[in-house]
Amino acid sequence: MEQGHILRTGQSDGLIVDPVRLRTLFGGQVRHNGLLTGDGDMSPGLPETAPGYVPGRPAAVLVPLVQRPNEISVLLTKRTDHLYHHPGQISFPGGRIEECDLDPVSCALRETEEETGIPRDVVEVIGSLSPYRTRTGFSVVPVIGLLTPPFETRADPFEVAEIFEVPLSFILDRANHQVHSREGDGVKRSFYVLPYQDYYIWGATAAMLVNLANIVLRTDED
């Protein structure tokens, strides 16, 4: 039997988030109301695509929402240090859409199985967020999926250094949505950071998590 999870942190205090609510919220549709659309949204004057990258390459990630006994959590991966794109960073399982993929959902499920060993048949896709443009040229569709334990994970040793989970309550607490800045080549770049324990969740992954939180919280506030 599915149970509700009462979140009790910060601005999400008292908000009940359960699988039924999430299914209703997304309804198999793309949610895009007022969301960040790319890395450049927070940094006026920053080129949308970094030099040397081709913009608009289609990609997809899975945003895995795990139904733990006491609370829903978000599954994330830490990338290995030798990868060309985003080495050592925190990310969702996913990647570029290949010819074998029917659509972004197929890509997200395939990449998740390859990177984490989680089979696609334990993932209930409930919707997606609108595409997010990264400075490395990808247009990424975040696919929202509910995962019901038990399931086993098996990290791909080439791509994934670690698989871990973050409580959804932490993501929904706007006090954890920090904005950091860096300057390079005379341009200031601002971006979201969600520091959780020893994990530095930033950039596109953090922005997508903020988008997810804004969808859930805005709906509760409407």
C-alpha atoms as a PDB file:
ATOM      1  CA  MET A   1       0.000   0.000   0.000  1.00  0.00           C
ATOM      2  CA  GLU A   2       1.358   3.395  -0.936  1.00  0.00           C
ATOM      3  CA  GLN A   3       1.750   5.797   1.949  1.00  0.00           C
ATOM      4  CA  GLY A   4       2.048   9.564   2.021  1.00  0.00           C
ATOM      5  CA  HIS A   5       5.302  11.162   3.076  1.00  0.00           C
ATOM      6  CA  ILE A   6       5.038  14.324   5.171  1.00  0.00           C
ATOM      7  CA  LEU A   7       7.952  16.647   4.560  1.00  0.00           C
ATOM      8  CA  ARG A   8       8.969  18.784   7.504  1.00  0.00           C
ATOM      9  CA  THR A   9      11.803  21.033   6.415  1.00  0.00           C
ATOM     10  CA  GLY A  10      11.932  24.747   5.756  1.00  0.00           C
ATOM     11  CA  GLN A  11       9.424  26.126   3.284  1.00  0.00           C
ATOM     12  CA  SER A  12       8.138  22.628   2.467  1.00  0.00           C
ATOM     13  CA  ASP A  13       6.917  22.243   6.069  1.00  0.00           C
ATOM     14  CA  GLY A  14       3.794  20.106   6.239  1.00  0.00           C
ATOM     15  CA  LEU A  15       3.709  19.382   2.495  1.00  0.00           C
ATOM     16  CA  ILE A  16       2.530  15.848   1.792  1.00  0.00           C
ATOM     17  CA  VAL A  17       4.284  14.262  -1.180  1.00  0.00           C
ATOM     18  CA  ASP A  18       3.335  10.718  -2.129  1.00  0.00           C
ATOM     19  CA  PRO A  19       3.228   8.706  -5.369  1.00  0.00           C
ATOM     20  CA  VAL A  20      -0.431   9.518  -5.943  1.00  0.00           C
ATOM     21  CA  ARG A  21       0.242  13.242  -5.668  1.00  0.00           C
ATOM     22  CA  LEU A  22       3.240  13.029  -7.993  1.00  0.00           C
ATOM     23  CA  ARG A  23       1.316  11.028 -10.601  1.00  0.00           C
ATOM     24  CA  THR A  24      -1.456  13.602 -10.495  1.00  0.00           C
ATOM     25  CA  LEU A  25       1.008  16.477 -10.635  1.00  0.00           C
ATOM     26  CA  PHE A  26       2.787  15.264 -13.769  1.00  0.00           C
ATOM     27  CA  GLY A  27       0.002  13.242 -15.339  1.00  0.00           C
ATOM     28  CA  GLY A  28       2.297  11.862 -18.015  1.00  0.00           C
ATOM     29  CA  GLN A  29       2.821  15.369 -19.368  1.00  0.00           C
ATOM     30  CA  VAL A  30       5.696  17.828 -19.761  1.00  0.00           C
ATOM     31  CA  ARG A  31       5.718  20.430 -16.993  1.00  0.00           C
ATOM     32  CA  HIS A  32       7.379  23.700 -17.981  1.00  0.00           C
ATOM     33  CA  ASN A  33       5.742  26.585 -16.119  1.00  0.00           C
ATOM     34  CA  GLY A  34       8.348  29.254 -15.390  1.00  0.00           C
ATOM     35  CA  LEU A  35      11.290  26.895 -15.195  1.00  0.00           C
ATOM     36  CA  LEU A  36      14.964  27.555 -15.831  1.00  0.00           C
ATOM     37  CA  THR A  37      15.598  26.659 -19.467  1.00  0.00           C
ATOM     38  CA  GLY A  38      19.390  26.551 -19.528  1.00  0.00           C
ATOM     39  CA  ASP A  39      22.730  27.422 -17.958  1.00  0.00           C
ATOM     40  CA  GLY A  40      22.562  30.944 -19.368  1.00  0.00           C
ATOM     41  CA  ASP A  41      19.345  31.911 -17.565  1.00  0.00           C
ATOM     42  CA  MET A  42      21.163  33.002 -14.409  1.00  0.00           C
ATOM     43  CA  SER A  43      24.123  34.618 -16.159  1.00  0.00           C
ATOM     44  CA  PRO A  44      23.297  37.497 -18.521  1.00  0.00           C
ATOM     45  CA  GLY A  45      26.023  37.915 -21.123  1.00  0.00           C
ATOM     46  CA  LEU A  46      27.215  34.332 -20.862  1.00  0.00           C
ATOM     47  CA  PRO A  47      27.233  32.574 -24.266  1.00  0.00           C
ATOM     48  CA  GLU A  48      24.575  29.873 -24.347  1.00  0.00           C
ATOM     49  CA  THR A  49      27.104  27.324 -25.586  1.00  0.00           C
ATOM     50  CA  ALA A  50      30.752  27.215 -24.549  1.00  0.00           C
ATOM     51  CA  PRO A  51      33.371  27.562 -27.317  1.00  0.00           C
ATOM     52  CA  GLY A  52      34.007  24.342 -29.202  1.00  0.00           C
ATOM     53  CA  TYR A  53      30.609  22.783 -28.546  1.00  0.00           C
ATOM     54  CA  VAL A  54      27.725  22.294 -30.970  1.00  0.00           C
ATOM     55  CA  PRO A  55      24.389  23.451 -29.492  1.00  0.00           C
ATOM     56  CA  GLY A  56      21.150  21.522 -29.489  1.00  0.00           C
ATOM     57  CA  ARG A  57      22.385  17.931 -29.220  1.00  0.00           C
ATOM     58  CA  PRO A  58      19.426  15.920 -27.837  1.00  0.00           C
ATOM     59  CA  ALA A  59      19.894  14.075 -24.562  1.00  0.00           C
ATOM     60  CA  ALA A  60      17.798  12.738 -21.709  1.00  0.00           C
ATOM     61  CA  VAL A  61      18.235  11.908 -18.033  1.00  0.00           C
ATOM     62  CA  LEU A  62      16.112  10.033 -15.546  1.00  0.00           C
ATOM     63  CA  VAL A  63      15.095  11.807 -12.343  1.00  0.00           C
ATOM     64  CA  PRO A  64      14.606   8.674 -10.202  1.00  0.00           C
ATOM     65  CA  LEU A  65      12.247   9.193  -7.246  1.00  0.00           C
ATOM     66  CA  VAL A  66      12.697   6.232  -4.904  1.00  0.00           C
ATOM     67  CA  GLN A  67       9.786   5.294  -2.641  1.00  0.00           C
ATOM     68  CA  ARG A  68      11.584   4.565   0.630  1.00  0.00           C
ATOM     69  CA  PRO A  69       9.517   3.566   3.727  1.00  0.00           C
ATOM     70  CA  ASN A  70       9.740   6.947   5.466  1.00  0.00           C
ATOM     71  CA  GLU A  71      10.259   9.342   2.587  1.00  0.00           C
ATOM     72  CA  ILE A  72      10.771   9.627  -1.132  1.00  0.00           C
ATOM     73  CA  SER A  73      14.396  10.158  -2.139  1.00  0.00           C
ATOM     74  CA  VAL A  74      16.170  11.215  -5.341  1.00  0.00           C
ATOM     75  CA  LEU A  75      18.796   8.855  -6.754  1.00  0.00           C
ATOM     76  CA  LEU A  76      21.926  10.478  -8.158  1.00  0.00           C
ATOM     77  CA  THR A  77      25.316   9.368  -9.430  1.00  0.00           C
ATOM     78  CA  LYS A  78      28.832  10.706  -9.069  1.00  0.00           C
ATOM     79  CA  ARG A  79      30.690  10.536 -12.357  1.00  0.00           C
ATOM     80  CA  THR A  80      34.186   9.084 -12.624  1.00  0.00           C
ATOM     81  CA  ASP A  81      37.076  11.513 -12.822  1.00  0.00           C
ATOM     82  CA  HIS A  82      38.347  10.495 -16.262  1.00  0.00           C
ATOM     83  CA  LEU A  83      35.183  11.268 -18.269  1.00  0.00           C
ATOM     84  CA  TYR A  84      35.407  13.998 -20.903  1.00  0.00           C
ATOM     85  CA  HIS A  85      32.082  15.631 -20.011  1.00  0.00           C
ATOM     86  CA  HIS A  86      31.575  16.738 -16.384  1.00  0.00           C
ATOM     87  CA  PRO A  87      34.192  14.501 -14.722  1.00  0.00           C
ATOM     88  CA  GLY A  88      33.663  13.906 -11.013  1.00  0.00           C
ATOM     89  CA  GLN A  89      30.388  15.806 -10.952  1.00  0.00           C
ATOM     90  CA  ILE A  90      27.024  14.790  -9.527  1.00  0.00           C
ATOM     91  CA  SER A  91      24.463  13.932 -12.167  1.00  0.00           C
ATOM     92  CA  PHE A  92      21.329  12.017 -13.027  1.00  0.00           C
ATOM     93  CA  PRO A  93      21.749   8.798 -14.986  1.00  0.00           C
ATOM     94  CA  GLY A  94      21.386   9.629 -18.671  1.00  0.00           C
ATOM     95  CA  GLY A  95      23.127  10.686 -21.837  1.00  0.00           C
ATOM     96  CA  ARG A  96      22.736  11.628 -25.477  1.00  0.00           C
ATOM     97  CA  ILE A  97      19.859  10.213 -27.487  1.00  0.00           C
ATOM     98  CA  GLU A  98      21.140   7.513 -29.839  1.00  0.00           C
ATOM     99  CA  GLU A  99      19.637   6.107 -33.039  1.00  0.00           C
ATOM    100  CA  CYS A 100      18.414   3.072 -31.098  1.00  0.00           C
ATOM    101  CA  ASP A 101      16.277   5.256 -28.813  1.00  0.00           C
ATOM    102  CA  LEU A 102      12.641   5.782 -29.774  1.00  0.00           C
ATOM    103  CA  ASP A 103      12.326   8.940 -27.683  1.00  0.00           C
ATOM    104  CA  PRO A 104      13.794  10.680 -24.601  1.00  0.00           C
ATOM    105  CA  VAL A 105      12.080   8.186 -22.287  1.00  0.00           C
ATOM    106  CA  SER A 106      13.734   5.247 -24.053  1.00  0.00           C
ATOM    107  CA  CYS A 107      17.091   7.001 -23.816  1.00  0.00           C
ATOM    108  CA  ALA A 108      16.715   7.793 -20.101  1.00  0.00           C
ATOM    109  CA  LEU A 109      15.710   4.216 -19.248  1.00  0.00           C
ATOM    110  CA  ARG A 110      18.486   2.687 -21.362  1.00  0.00           C
ATOM    111  CA  GLU A 111      21.168   4.939 -19.895  1.00  0.00           C
ATOM    112  CA  THR A 112      19.903   4.341 -16.357  1.00  0.00           C
ATOM    113  CA  GLU A 113      20.149   0.582 -16.812  1.00  0.00           C
ATOM    114  CA  GLU A 114      23.619   0.875 -18.339  1.00  0.00           C
ATOM    115  CA  GLU A 115      24.985   3.244 -15.678  1.00  0.00           C
ATOM    116  CA  THR A 116      23.288   1.964 -12.516  1.00  0.00           C
ATOM    117  CA  GLY A 117      22.026  -1.539 -13.328  1.00  0.00           C
ATOM    118  CA  ILE A 118      18.447  -0.521 -12.492  1.00  0.00           C
ATOM    119  CA  PRO A 119      16.184  -2.346 -14.975  1.00  0.00           C
ATOM    120  CA  ARG A 120      13.642  -0.296 -16.865  1.00  0.00           C
ATOM    121  CA  ASP A 121      10.765  -2.471 -15.688  1.00  0.00           C
ATOM    122  CA  VAL A 122      11.056  -1.114 -12.123  1.00  0.00           C
ATOM    123  CA  VAL A 123      10.687   2.487 -13.339  1.00  0.00           C
ATOM    124  CA  GLU A 124       7.230   4.017 -13.629  1.00  0.00           C
ATOM    125  CA  VAL A 125       7.540   7.058 -15.881  1.00  0.00           C
ATOM    126  CA  ILE A 126       5.062   9.719 -14.727  1.00  0.00           C
ATOM    127  CA  GLY A 127       6.068  12.705 -16.881  1.00  0.00           C
ATOM    128  CA  SER A 128       8.954  15.023 -17.620  1.00  0.00           C
ATOM    129  CA  LEU A 129      10.268  18.553 -17.302  1.00  0.00           C
ATOM    130  CA  SER A 130      10.884  20.769 -20.302  1.00  0.00           C
ATOM    131  CA  PRO A 131      14.332  20.476 -21.953  1.00  0.00           C
ATOM    132  CA  TYR A 132      17.292  22.130 -20.261  1.00  0.00           C
ATOM    133  CA  ARG A 133      20.175  23.528 -22.363  1.00  0.00           C
ATOM    134  CA  THR A 134      23.701  23.011 -21.066  1.00  0.00           C
ATOM    135  CA  ARG A 135      26.779  25.011 -22.022  1.00  0.00           C
ATOM    136  CA  THR A 136      28.298  21.805 -23.383  1.00  0.00           C
ATOM    137  CA  GLY A 137      25.688  21.877 -26.148  1.00  0.00           C
ATOM    138  CA  PHE A 138      23.107  19.376 -24.919  1.00  0.00           C
ATOM    139  CA  SER A 139      19.339  19.875 -24.825  1.00  0.00           C
ATOM    140  CA  VAL A 140      18.425  17.570 -21.958  1.00  0.00           C
ATOM    141  CA  VAL A 141      14.936  16.210 -21.235  1.00  0.00           C
ATOM    142  CA  PRO A 142      14.563  15.304 -17.524  1.00  0.00           C
ATOM    143  CA  VAL A 143      12.246  12.263 -17.394  1.00  0.00           C
ATOM    144  CA  ILE A 144      10.515  11.787 -14.030  1.00  0.00           C
ATOM    145  CA  GLY A 145      10.291   8.186 -12.807  1.00  0.00           C
ATOM    146  CA  LEU A 146       9.000   6.485  -9.662  1.00  0.00           C
ATOM    147  CA  LEU A 147      11.051   3.532  -8.395  1.00  0.00           C
ATOM    148  CA  THR A 148       9.648   1.009  -5.955  1.00  0.00           C
ATOM    149  CA  PRO A 149      12.173  -1.042  -3.949  1.00  0.00           C
ATOM    150  CA  PRO A 150      13.493  -3.615  -3.730  1.00  0.00           C
ATOM    151  CA  PHE A 151      15.911  -3.237  -6.618  1.00  0.00           C
ATOM    152  CA  GLU A 152      19.656  -3.636  -6.907  1.00  0.00           C
ATOM    153  CA  THR A 153      22.143  -1.125  -8.265  1.00  0.00           C
ATOM    154  CA  ARG A 154      25.329  -1.954 -10.126  1.00  0.00           C
ATOM    155  CA  ALA A 155      27.486   1.020 -11.058  1.00  0.00           C
ATOM    156  CA  ASP A 156      29.169   1.006 -14.455  1.00  0.00           C
ATOM    157  CA  PRO A 157      32.821   1.307 -13.336  1.00  0.00           C
ATOM    158  CA  PHE A 158      33.773   3.330 -16.417  1.00  0.00           C
ATOM    159  CA  GLU A 159      31.153   6.069 -15.955  1.00  0.00           C
ATOM    160  CA  VAL A 160      29.908   5.934 -12.367  1.00  0.00           C
ATOM    161  CA  ALA A 161      32.035   6.243  -9.246  1.00  0.00           C
ATOM    162  CA  GLU A 162      29.133   6.199  -6.784  1.00  0.00           C
ATOM    163  CA  ILE A 163      25.347   5.891  -6.559  1.00  0.00           C
ATOM    164  CA  PHE A 164      23.591   7.640  -3.676  1.00  0.00           C
ATOM    165  CA  GLU A 165      20.249   9.133  -2.640  1.00  0.00           C
ATOM    166  CA  VAL A 166      19.144  12.521  -1.343  1.00  0.00           C
ATOM    167  CA  PRO A 167      15.869  12.975   0.570  1.00  0.00           C
ATOM    168  CA  LEU A 168      13.256  14.740  -1.527  1.00  0.00           C
ATOM    169  CA  SER A 169      12.543  16.932   1.504  1.00  0.00           C
ATOM    170  CA  PHE A 170      16.071  18.338   1.200  1.00  0.00           C
ATOM    171  CA  ILE A 171      15.451  19.169  -2.474  1.00  0.00           C
ATOM    172  CA  LEU A 172      12.112  20.829  -1.712  1.00  0.00           C
ATOM    173  CA  ASP A 173      13.554  23.039   1.029  1.00  0.00           C
ATOM    174  CA  ARG A 174      14.309  26.327  -0.731  1.00  0.00           C
ATOM    175  CA  ALA A 175      16.806  27.187   1.993  1.00  0.00           C
ATOM    176  CA  ASN A 176      19.058  24.596   0.357  1.00  0.00           C
ATOM    177  CA  HIS A 177      18.927  26.290  -3.063  1.00  0.00           C
ATOM    178  CA  GLN A 178      22.137  28.293  -2.906  1.00  0.00           C
ATOM    179  CA  VAL A 179      23.386  30.546  -5.693  1.00  0.00           C
ATOM    180  CA  HIS A 180      27.150  30.575  -6.276  1.00  0.00           C
ATOM    181  CA  SER A 181      29.198  32.492  -8.816  1.00  0.00           C
ATOM    182  CA  ARG A 182      32.483  32.119 -10.679  1.00  0.00           C
ATOM    183  CA  GLU A 183      34.238  34.485 -13.027  1.00  0.00           C
ATOM    184  CA  GLY A 184      36.265  33.542 -16.061  1.00  0.00           C
ATOM    185  CA  ASP A 185      37.244  35.282 -19.297  1.00  0.00           C
ATOM    186  CA  GLY A 186      35.715  38.471 -17.936  1.00  0.00           C
ATOM    187  CA  VAL A 187      32.243  36.923 -17.605  1.00  0.00           C
ATOM    188  CA  LYS A 188      30.539  36.144 -14.316  1.00  0.00           C
ATOM    189  CA  ARG A 189      28.655  32.862 -14.234  1.00  0.00           C
ATOM    190  CA  SER A 190      26.008  32.201 -11.573  1.00  0.00           C
ATOM    191  CA  PHE A 191      24.511  28.794 -10.871  1.00  0.00           C
ATOM    192  CA  TYR A 192      22.572  26.816  -8.294  1.00  0.00           C
ATOM    193  CA  VAL A 193      24.282  24.637  -5.721  1.00  0.00           C
ATOM    194  CA  LEU A 194      22.569  22.135  -3.401  1.00  0.00           C
ATOM    195  CA  PRO A 195      25.303  21.020  -0.974  1.00  0.00           C
ATOM    196  CA  TYR A 196      24.237  17.739   0.627  1.00  0.00           C
ATOM    197  CA  GLN A 197      26.584  16.126   3.154  1.00  0.00           C
ATOM    198  CA  ASP A 198      29.884  15.707   1.255  1.00  0.00           C
ATOM    199  CA  TYR A 199      28.251  16.047  -2.167  1.00  0.00           C
ATOM    200  CA  TYR A 200      28.486  19.285  -4.153  1.00  0.00           C
ATOM    201  CA  ILE A 201      25.439  19.204  -6.416  1.00  0.00           C
ATOM    202  CA  TRP A 202      25.692  22.079  -8.866  1.00  0.00           C
ATOM    203  CA  GLY A 203      25.179  23.234 -12.439  1.00  0.00           C
ATOM    204  CA  ALA A 204      22.602  21.601 -14.682  1.00  0.00           C
ATOM    205  CA  THR A 205      21.764  18.854 -12.171  1.00  0.00           C
ATOM    206  CA  ALA A 206      21.094  21.393  -9.422  1.00  0.00           C
ATOM    207  CA  ALA A 207      19.039  23.547 -11.808  1.00  0.00           C
ATOM    208  CA  MET A 208      16.865  20.574 -12.772  1.00  0.00           C
ATOM    209  CA  LEU A 209      16.350  19.747  -9.094  1.00  0.00           C
ATOM    210  CA  VAL A 210      15.346  23.360  -8.435  1.00  0.00           C
ATOM    211  CA  ASN A 211      12.913  23.111 -11.363  1.00  0.00           C
ATOM    212  CA  LEU A 212      11.429  19.949  -9.860  1.00  0.00           C
ATOM    213  CA  ALA A 213      11.081  21.633  -6.470  1.00  0.00           C
ATOM    214  CA  ASN A 214       9.451  24.693  -8.007  1.00  0.00           C
ATOM    215  CA  ILE A 215       6.885  22.541  -9.804  1.00  0.00           C
ATOM    216  CA  VAL A 216       5.947  20.667  -6.618  1.00  0.00           C
ATOM    217  CA  LEU A 217       5.991  23.703  -4.340  1.00  0.00           C
ATOM    218  CA  ARG A 218       4.245  26.051  -6.749  1.00  0.00           C
ATOM    219  CA  THR A 219       1.415  23.581  -7.188  1.00  0.00           C
ATOM    220  CA  ASP A 220       1.052  23.387  -3.412  1.00  0.00           C
ATOM    221  CA  GLU A 221       0.983  27.174  -3.156  1.00  0.00           C
ATOM    222  CA  ASP A 222      -1.583  27.694  -5.953  1.00  0.00           C
END
